[in-house]
């Protein structure tokens, strides 16, 4: 469930009062990030004290959107030295903005060092020969070091970010999330029962499969 601005709970009469204060201070109408966001935040912080509310970033967005989608009605309310500010019929026409949840896809580019902890089963006539056998098979291509199974989580270190890039933004389907959460719960419950019956070797292999899949998500 998307969290809504705390100001959305106020009456429209109270919102009109706040809007008048904000307009007087040149509060941004529309995208607040195109303007001086910090100044807009400070302005709302001052006004919100009338209602003992601590303003947040989401509240700045709320009023920027409120002023944008109600610009014509607000113009009527504030006309003629604001004689229409108490006009309840105009109050009722005001639209309350509704926040939605969105996913933002982005990529972060850079470099790092990592350590993979692997294990591989080898057949040999002598324990002392196993490492030499592995090197020989790796050299001649009959075995690759990445063919092994991960035995513990990969360790990463020395991160060096070089750049990042924002990509697509898309709305989250809340109803789908609710259905998926129920399904996930059932899967987890059933999987827990199965895992309880597996031996250590099978669990290690399963862990490797899960970690490989997670890296693709």
Protein backbone atom coordinates (compact mmCIF):
# COMPACT_ATOMS: atom_id res chain seq x y z
CA UNK A 1 0.00 0.00 0.00
CA UNK A 2 1.44 3.34 -1.10
CA UNK A 3 1.96 5.77 1.78
CA UNK A 4 0.09 9.04 1.32
CA UNK A 5 1.04 12.52 2.54
CA UNK A 6 -0.08 13.26 6.08
CA UNK A 7 -1.62 16.48 4.72
CA UNK A 8 -4.06 14.47 2.61
CA UNK A 9 -6.00 13.81 5.84
CA UNK A 10 -6.71 17.49 6.40
CA UNK A 11 -9.94 19.12 5.29
CA UNK A 12 -10.04 20.96 1.98
CA UNK A 13 -10.62 24.19 3.89
CA UNK A 14 -7.35 23.65 5.75
CA UNK A 15 -5.55 22.79 2.51
CA UNK A 16 -6.75 26.04 0.96
CA UNK A 17 -5.35 27.95 3.96
CA UNK A 18 -1.96 26.23 3.53
CA UNK A 19 -2.03 26.74 -0.24
CA UNK A 20 -2.52 30.49 0.24
CA UNK A 21 0.52 30.65 2.50
CA UNK A 22 2.61 28.65 0.05
CA UNK A 23 1.62 30.70 -2.98
CA UNK A 24 2.66 33.85 -1.13
CA UNK A 25 6.12 32.32 -0.74
CA UNK A 26 6.44 31.29 -4.42
CA UNK A 27 6.14 27.59 -3.61
CA UNK A 28 6.77 25.49 -6.76
CA UNK A 29 3.73 24.52 -8.81
CA UNK A 30 4.50 21.26 -10.57
CA UNK A 31 7.80 19.40 -10.32
CA UNK A 32 9.43 20.69 -7.08
CA UNK A 33 12.81 19.28 -8.15
CA UNK A 34 12.99 21.74 -11.05
CA UNK A 35 13.18 24.58 -8.55
CA UNK A 36 14.96 25.17 -5.24
CA UNK A 37 13.69 22.07 -3.42
CA UNK A 38 15.37 22.92 -0.11
CA UNK A 39 13.71 26.31 -0.07
CA UNK A 40 10.33 24.73 -0.84
CA UNK A 41 10.84 22.25 1.99
CA UNK A 42 11.71 25.02 4.46
CA UNK A 43 8.66 27.01 3.38
CA UNK A 44 6.32 24.07 3.95
CA UNK A 45 8.03 23.32 7.26
CA UNK A 46 7.16 26.80 8.49
CA UNK A 47 3.52 26.59 7.38
CA UNK A 48 3.01 23.07 8.72
CA UNK A 49 3.73 24.25 12.25
CA UNK A 50 0.20 25.68 12.33
CA UNK A 51 -0.98 22.07 12.35
CA UNK A 52 1.83 20.57 14.47
CA UNK A 53 2.99 18.52 11.48
CA UNK A 54 6.61 17.76 10.64
CA UNK A 55 6.83 18.10 6.85
CA UNK A 56 8.60 15.47 4.71
CA UNK A 57 9.80 15.24 1.13
CA UNK A 58 6.55 13.50 0.15
CA UNK A 59 4.58 16.43 1.59
CA UNK A 60 6.46 18.86 -0.66
CA UNK A 61 5.48 16.70 -3.65
CA UNK A 62 1.89 16.58 -2.40
CA UNK A 63 1.44 20.36 -2.37
CA UNK A 64 3.31 20.87 -5.64
CA UNK A 65 0.88 18.43 -7.26
CA UNK A 66 -2.11 19.89 -5.38
CA UNK A 67 -1.34 23.37 -6.71
CA UNK A 68 -0.73 22.03 -10.21
CA UNK A 69 -3.90 19.97 -10.71
CA UNK A 70 -6.12 22.57 -9.00
CA UNK A 71 -4.58 25.68 -10.56
CA UNK A 72 -7.81 27.01 -12.09
CA UNK A 73 -9.89 26.50 -8.94
CA UNK A 74 -7.18 28.01 -6.75
CA UNK A 75 -7.03 31.01 -9.09
CA UNK A 76 -10.78 31.51 -8.48
CA UNK A 77 -10.37 31.10 -4.73
CA UNK A 78 -7.61 33.71 -4.60
CA UNK A 79 -9.26 36.20 -6.98
CA UNK A 80 -10.58 39.60 -5.85
CA UNK A 81 -8.24 39.85 -2.88
CA UNK A 82 -9.12 36.27 -1.93
CA UNK A 83 -12.76 37.00 -1.21
CA UNK A 84 -13.66 33.52 -2.47
CA UNK A 85 -11.36 31.61 -0.11
CA UNK A 86 -14.31 30.50 2.05
CA UNK A 87 -16.41 29.44 -0.95
CA UNK A 88 -17.28 25.86 0.04
CA UNK A 89 -18.60 24.99 -3.41
CA UNK A 90 -15.14 25.69 -4.82
CA UNK A 91 -13.56 23.71 -1.99
CA UNK A 92 -15.56 20.66 -2.98
CA UNK A 93 -14.18 20.84 -6.53
CA UNK A 94 -10.60 20.53 -5.34
CA UNK A 95 -8.86 17.26 -6.25
CA UNK A 96 -6.66 15.57 -3.66
CA UNK A 97 -3.47 14.14 -5.21
CA UNK A 98 -2.88 10.42 -4.75
CA UNK A 99 0.65 9.00 -4.59
CA UNK A 100 1.40 5.77 -6.45
CA UNK A 101 4.30 3.35 -6.13
CA UNK A 102 6.80 3.16 -8.97
CA UNK A 103 9.86 1.11 -9.75
CA UNK A 104 12.91 2.96 -11.01
CA UNK A 105 15.31 0.82 -13.01
CA UNK A 106 18.91 2.00 -12.97
CA UNK A 107 22.40 0.66 -13.40
CA UNK A 108 25.58 1.41 -11.48
CA UNK A 109 28.88 1.00 -13.28
CA UNK A 110 32.20 0.36 -11.60
CA UNK A 111 34.71 -2.28 -10.62
CA UNK A 112 35.51 -4.41 -7.59
CA UNK A 113 37.46 -7.43 -6.45
CA UNK A 114 35.65 -10.59 -5.40
CA UNK A 115 36.35 -14.00 -3.89
CA UNK A 116 34.25 -17.02 -4.86
CA UNK A 117 34.30 -20.03 -2.55
CA UNK A 118 33.76 -23.13 -4.68
CA UNK A 119 33.87 -26.89 -4.39
CA UNK A 120 34.11 -29.62 -7.04
CA UNK A 121 34.11 -33.41 -6.78
CA UNK A 122 37.11 -35.14 -8.41
CA UNK A 123 37.92 -38.81 -8.77
CA UNK A 124 41.58 -39.68 -8.10
CA UNK A 125 43.75 -42.53 -6.91
CA UNK A 126 45.59 -40.27 -4.46
CA UNK A 127 44.48 -37.26 -2.38
CA UNK A 128 47.81 -35.55 -3.09
CA UNK A 129 47.13 -35.65 -6.84
CA UNK A 130 43.71 -33.93 -6.80
CA UNK A 131 44.97 -30.34 -7.13
CA UNK A 132 47.32 -31.33 -9.95
CA UNK A 133 44.48 -33.17 -11.67
CA UNK A 134 42.25 -30.09 -11.40
CA UNK A 135 44.96 -27.86 -12.91
CA UNK A 136 45.51 -30.30 -15.77
CA UNK A 137 41.79 -30.52 -16.58
CA UNK A 138 41.42 -26.75 -16.37
CA UNK A 139 44.35 -26.31 -18.77
CA UNK A 140 43.13 -28.83 -21.34
CA UNK A 141 39.53 -27.56 -21.19
CA UNK A 142 37.90 -30.73 -19.90
CA UNK A 143 36.93 -28.87 -16.73
CA UNK A 144 36.44 -25.18 -15.95
CA UNK A 145 36.83 -23.54 -12.55
CA UNK A 146 33.32 -22.07 -12.95
CA UNK A 147 31.85 -25.58 -13.26
CA UNK A 148 32.19 -26.02 -9.51
CA UNK A 149 29.49 -25.39 -6.91
CA UNK A 150 29.51 -22.36 -4.63
CA UNK A 151 30.01 -23.47 -1.03
CA UNK A 152 29.46 -20.06 0.60
CA UNK A 153 28.52 -16.52 -0.34
CA UNK A 154 30.77 -14.57 -2.67
CA UNK A 155 32.77 -11.82 -0.95
CA UNK A 156 33.13 -8.45 -2.68
CA UNK A 157 35.60 -5.71 -1.81
CA UNK A 158 37.33 -2.58 -3.17
CA UNK A 159 34.25 -1.13 -4.84
CA UNK A 160 34.94 1.77 -7.16
CA UNK A 161 31.86 3.43 -8.66
CA UNK A 162 32.50 5.16 -11.97
CA UNK A 163 29.01 6.22 -13.05
CA UNK A 164 25.28 5.51 -12.83
CA UNK A 165 22.35 5.85 -15.20
CA UNK A 166 18.61 6.09 -14.51
CA UNK A 167 16.52 4.07 -16.93
CA UNK A 168 12.79 3.19 -17.00
CA UNK A 169 10.14 4.22 -14.46
CA UNK A 170 6.94 2.20 -14.27
CA UNK A 171 3.99 2.02 -11.90
CA UNK A 172 3.78 -0.92 -9.52
CA UNK A 173 0.62 -3.03 -9.74
CA UNK A 174 -0.46 -3.16 -6.08
CA UNK A 175 -3.11 -5.86 -6.69
CA UNK A 176 -0.50 -8.09 -8.33
CA UNK A 177 1.82 -7.60 -5.36
CA UNK A 178 -0.92 -8.69 -2.95
CA UNK A 179 -1.60 -11.85 -4.96
CA UNK A 180 2.10 -12.62 -5.25
CA UNK A 181 2.63 -12.18 -1.51
CA UNK A 182 -0.02 -14.83 -0.78
CA UNK A 183 1.53 -17.18 -3.35
CA UNK A 184 5.05 -16.57 -2.01
CA UNK A 185 3.86 -17.40 1.51
CA UNK A 186 2.45 -20.73 0.33
CA UNK A 187 5.63 -21.55 -1.59
CA UNK A 188 7.82 -20.75 1.42
CA UNK A 189 5.69 -22.88 3.74
CA UNK A 190 5.80 -25.87 1.39
CA UNK A 191 9.51 -25.40 0.62
CA UNK A 192 10.39 -25.30 4.32
CA UNK A 193 8.94 -28.78 4.75
CA UNK A 194 10.93 -30.15 1.79
CA UNK A 195 14.20 -28.52 2.90
CA UNK A 196 13.89 -30.14 6.30
CA UNK A 197 14.26 -33.57 4.68
CA UNK A 198 17.37 -32.79 2.55
CA UNK A 199 20.94 -33.83 3.35
CA UNK A 200 23.89 -31.40 3.56
CA UNK A 201 25.23 -32.12 0.06
CA UNK A 202 21.85 -31.47 -1.56
CA UNK A 203 21.37 -28.30 0.49
CA UNK A 204 24.76 -26.95 -0.70
CA UNK A 205 23.79 -27.62 -4.32
CA UNK A 206 20.38 -25.99 -3.78
CA UNK A 207 22.05 -22.96 -2.17
CA UNK A 208 24.28 -22.56 -5.22
CA UNK A 209 21.29 -22.68 -7.58
CA UNK A 210 19.43 -20.06 -5.54
CA UNK A 211 22.44 -17.71 -5.39
CA UNK A 212 22.97 -18.05 -9.16
CA UNK A 213 19.34 -17.16 -9.75
CA UNK A 214 19.52 -14.15 -7.36
CA UNK A 215 22.43 -12.70 -9.33
CA UNK A 216 20.21 -12.61 -12.41
CA UNK A 217 17.40 -10.66 -10.67
